[in-house]
């Protein structure tokens, strides 16, 4: 199996969160066939587990996530790209990591680990479980699409659910009811007007109102409404948390779903570098798997889209880059 065939095989196994069991079982079997491998399923939830393989004591661990965003669609390829859900986020990365480890094993390099986790696209459940069960790794090379540039840092993530309640009534007599949707719109208008923090390295914080739900029928005053709001952080989230409490001002229920601070990562000489605006599992690991580095083939600009793809040349280049980084870190 070539690295391109492995990438397509992984893409063609539907692993939209939280349905990672099939791809996890496939990888468990595949990695178990590599000579000298010690492979295990690390439990997360029923029918959900991380896959961890190592050769010797894992001083350097390569890690990325198994899950993808919806909708699932199968792979295809042309001369330049491999296409499909998860092509760059992160099935091509998994294939590159595995091929890098296999190549190093042939050179008798040991003390390497592979850790593939569930749930990154929703709540980092797999990384949380792994953080509670570290295995002594000193360095963590996390894989996300960075166009094979070594990321110096990534923005954090702060996610809220905002719920409003009202009173149902016939829409012909709105004064007899209380619109939860209008309350929610008032809160969201204030959220949109917030002045968000700026950082010299990361740039501006950004905000996305991702979902809005509510109401029962066009002719019923709505008694319930909910929105999900996602901030990309340039700090630890404290300034936005403080602002959100004031913006809601008792008009809605505010629930914090996830908070990951902005992070700075390890540096190595000789690499083209970048700073990424998306969040990763790295803050969730909290250093339990070692000093973090972030790098992987593919562009985040096509991840989560109908045009998701990964350049074949970057998949091949990533194999050599991962090998180089592992060698350097093992020497340290």
Foldseek 3Di string as FASTA:
>chain_A
DDLLVQLQVLLQPAAAPPQQLVSLVVVQVVQVPQPQKDWDWQDQDVSFTKIKIFHPAAQEEEEEESHFHDDFDHWDDDPWWIDTTCQVNPSLQVSLVVLLVSVVVVVVDHNYMYIYFYDWVHALSRLLSCLVPFRNHAEYEYEHAPQQFWEQWEWKKWKKKKKAFKAKDFQVCCVVIGARVVLVVQLVVLVVVDDFDADPQQGTKDKDFDDKDWDDDPGMRIGMIMIMMMIGHPAQCVVVVVVSCVSNVVRIDMDIRDTAHIDGADDDPPGHYDYYRDDGSVSSSVQSNHGYIYGYFDDPVCHPHNGDITTPVRSVVSSVVVNVVVVVSVVD
